[in-house]
Amino acid sequence: MAQIAPADVIARVLESDADGDGLTLAEELKLGTKATQYDTPAQIAVARQRQFQAFPSRNSEFEL
Protein backbone atom coordinates (compact mmCIF):
# COMPACT_ATOMS: atom_id res chain seq x y z
CA MET A 1 0.00 0.00 0.00
CA ALA A 2 2.89 2.35 0.79
CA GLN A 3 4.09 1.99 -2.78
CA ILE A 4 0.86 3.28 -4.33
CA ALA A 5 -0.49 5.78 -1.79
CA PRO A 6 1.06 8.97 -0.40
CA ALA A 7 2.33 8.80 3.18
CA ASP A 8 -0.28 11.28 4.47
CA VAL A 9 -3.10 9.11 3.11
CA ILE A 10 -1.65 6.00 4.75
CA ALA A 11 -1.22 7.89 8.02
CA ARG A 12 -4.87 9.02 7.91
CA VAL A 13 -6.04 5.44 7.34
CA LEU A 14 -3.87 4.06 10.16
CA GLU A 15 -5.09 6.78 12.53
CA SER A 16 -8.77 6.21 11.71
CA ASP A 17 -11.26 4.48 14.00
CA ALA A 18 -13.90 2.95 11.73
CA ASP A 19 -15.69 0.95 14.42
CA GLY A 20 -15.82 3.71 17.06
CA ASP A 21 -14.23 1.75 19.90
CA GLY A 22 -11.49 4.29 20.53
CA LEU A 23 -8.67 2.28 18.97
CA THR A 24 -7.03 3.43 15.76
CA LEU A 25 -6.46 0.96 12.94
CA ALA A 26 -2.76 0.86 13.86
CA GLU A 27 -3.62 -0.07 17.47
CA GLU A 28 -6.16 -2.69 16.30
CA LEU A 29 -3.48 -4.30 14.13
CA LYS A 30 -0.95 -4.22 16.96
CA LEU A 31 -3.38 -5.75 19.48
CA GLY A 32 -4.93 -8.23 17.09
CA THR A 33 -8.49 -6.99 17.64
CA LYS A 34 -11.10 -6.70 14.90
CA ALA A 35 -10.77 -3.35 13.14
CA THR A 36 -14.33 -3.38 11.74
CA GLN A 37 -16.13 -4.60 14.88
CA TYR A 38 -16.67 -2.61 18.08
CA ASP A 39 -14.52 -3.94 20.91
CA THR A 40 -15.72 -3.41 24.48
CA PRO A 41 -13.31 -1.93 27.02
CA ALA A 42 -13.02 -5.41 28.57
CA GLN A 43 -12.06 -6.96 25.22
CA ILE A 44 -9.47 -4.23 24.67
CA ALA A 45 -8.01 -4.81 28.16
CA VAL A 46 -7.73 -8.56 27.48
CA ALA A 47 -6.01 -7.89 24.13
CA ARG A 48 -3.55 -5.51 25.80
CA GLN A 49 -2.82 -8.08 28.51
CA ARG A 50 -2.20 -10.79 25.89
CA GLN A 51 0.17 -8.47 24.04
CA PHE A 52 2.04 -7.67 27.25
CA GLN A 53 2.46 -11.37 28.06
CA ALA A 54 3.82 -12.04 24.58
CA PHE A 55 7.02 -10.22 25.52
CA PRO A 56 8.51 -11.96 28.58
CA SER A 57 10.55 -9.85 30.92
CA ARG A 58 14.18 -10.59 31.57
CA ASN A 59 14.99 -12.45 34.72
CA SER A 60 17.51 -10.40 36.65
CA GLU A 61 18.42 -13.25 39.04
CA PHE A 62 21.52 -14.95 37.68
CA GLU A 63 22.94 -18.15 39.09
CA LEU A 64 26.70 -18.33 39.18
C-alpha atoms as a PDB file:
ATOM      1  CA  MET A   1       0.000   0.000   0.000  1.00  0.00           C
ATOM      2  CA  ALA A   2       2.889   2.350   0.786  1.00  0.00           C
ATOM      3  CA  GLN A   3       4.090   1.994  -2.782  1.00  0.00           C
ATOM      4  CA  ILE A   4       0.858   3.279  -4.327  1.00  0.00           C
ATOM      5  CA  ALA A   5      -0.493   5.783  -1.789  1.00  0.00           C
ATOM      6  CA  PRO A   6       1.058   8.968  -0.399  1.00  0.00           C
ATOM      7  CA  ALA A   7       2.327   8.800   3.183  1.00  0.00           C
ATOM      8  CA  ASP A   8      -0.277  11.279   4.469  1.00  0.00           C
ATOM      9  CA  VAL A   9      -3.100   9.107   3.105  1.00  0.00           C
ATOM     10  CA  ILE A  10      -1.654   5.998   4.750  1.00  0.00           C
ATOM     11  CA  ALA A  11      -1.221   7.894   8.022  1.00  0.00           C
ATOM     12  CA  ARG A  12      -4.869   9.016   7.910  1.00  0.00           C
ATOM     13  CA  VAL A  13      -6.038   5.442   7.345  1.00  0.00           C
ATOM     14  CA  LEU A  14      -3.867   4.057  10.157  1.00  0.00           C
ATOM     15  CA  GLU A  15      -5.088   6.778  12.534  1.00  0.00           C
ATOM     16  CA  SER A  16      -8.773   6.208  11.709  1.00  0.00           C
ATOM     17  CA  ASP A  17     -11.264   4.476  13.999  1.00  0.00           C
ATOM     18  CA  ALA A  18     -13.901   2.951  11.729  1.00  0.00           C
ATOM     19  CA  ASP A  19     -15.689   0.947  14.423  1.00  0.00           C
ATOM     20  CA  GLY A  20     -15.824   3.712  17.056  1.00  0.00           C
ATOM     21  CA  ASP A  21     -14.228   1.748  19.897  1.00  0.00           C
ATOM     22  CA  GLY A  22     -11.489   4.291  20.530  1.00  0.00           C
ATOM     23  CA  LEU A  23      -8.668   2.277  18.968  1.00  0.00           C
ATOM     24  CA  THR A  24      -7.027   3.425  15.762  1.00  0.00           C
ATOM     25  CA  LEU A  25      -6.456   0.957  12.941  1.00  0.00           C
ATOM     26  CA  ALA A  26      -2.757   0.861  13.863  1.00  0.00           C
ATOM     27  CA  GLU A  27      -3.625  -0.071  17.469  1.00  0.00           C
ATOM     28  CA  GLU A  28      -6.158  -2.687  16.299  1.00  0.00           C
ATOM     29  CA  LEU A  29      -3.480  -4.302  14.128  1.00  0.00           C
ATOM     30  CA  LYS A  30      -0.953  -4.222  16.955  1.00  0.00           C
ATOM     31  CA  LEU A  31      -3.376  -5.748  19.484  1.00  0.00           C
ATOM     32  CA  GLY A  32      -4.932  -8.230  17.090  1.00  0.00           C
ATOM     33  CA  THR A  33      -8.489  -6.994  17.640  1.00  0.00           C
ATOM     34  CA  LYS A  34     -11.104  -6.701  14.898  1.00  0.00           C
ATOM     35  CA  ALA A  35     -10.769  -3.353  13.137  1.00  0.00           C
ATOM     36  CA  THR A  36     -14.325  -3.381  11.744  1.00  0.00           C
ATOM     37  CA  GLN A  37     -16.127  -4.601  14.876  1.00  0.00           C
ATOM     38  CA  TYR A  38     -16.674  -2.606  18.083  1.00  0.00           C
ATOM     39  CA  ASP A  39     -14.523  -3.939  20.914  1.00  0.00           C
ATOM     40  CA  THR A  40     -15.724  -3.410  24.480  1.00  0.00           C
ATOM     41  CA  PRO A  41     -13.312  -1.932  27.018  1.00  0.00           C
ATOM     42  CA  ALA A  42     -13.020  -5.413  28.571  1.00  0.00           C
ATOM     43  CA  GLN A  43     -12.056  -6.958  25.217  1.00  0.00           C
ATOM     44  CA  ILE A  44      -9.468  -4.231  24.670  1.00  0.00           C
ATOM     45  CA  ALA A  45      -8.014  -4.814  28.156  1.00  0.00           C
ATOM     46  CA  VAL A  46      -7.728  -8.558  27.480  1.00  0.00           C
ATOM     47  CA  ALA A  47      -6.008  -7.890  24.131  1.00  0.00           C
ATOM     48  CA  ARG A  48      -3.548  -5.513  25.799  1.00  0.00           C
ATOM     49  CA  GLN A  49      -2.816  -8.080  28.513  1.00  0.00           C
ATOM     50  CA  ARG A  50      -2.203 -10.790  25.888  1.00  0.00           C
ATOM     51  CA  GLN A  51       0.174  -8.474  24.039  1.00  0.00           C
ATOM     52  CA  PHE A  52       2.037  -7.666  27.254  1.00  0.00           C
ATOM     53  CA  GLN A  53       2.462 -11.365  28.063  1.00  0.00           C
ATOM     54  CA  ALA A  54       3.816 -12.038  24.582  1.00  0.00           C
ATOM     55  CA  PHE A  55       7.021 -10.222  25.521  1.00  0.00           C
ATOM     56  CA  PRO A  56       8.508 -11.959  28.578  1.00  0.00           C
ATOM     57  CA  SER A  57      10.547  -9.853  30.924  1.00  0.00           C
ATOM     58  CA  ARG A  58      14.181 -10.589  31.573  1.00  0.00           C
ATOM     59  CA  ASN A  59      14.986 -12.452  34.721  1.00  0.00           C
ATOM     60  CA  SER A  60      17.513 -10.403  36.651  1.00  0.00           C
ATOM     61  CA  GLU A  61      18.425 -13.245  39.036  1.00  0.00           C
ATOM     62  CA  PHE A  62      21.517 -14.955  37.678  1.00  0.00           C
ATOM     63  CA  GLU A  63      22.936 -18.146  39.088  1.00  0.00           C
ATOM     64  CA  LEU A  64      26.699 -18.332  39.182  1.00  0.00           C
END
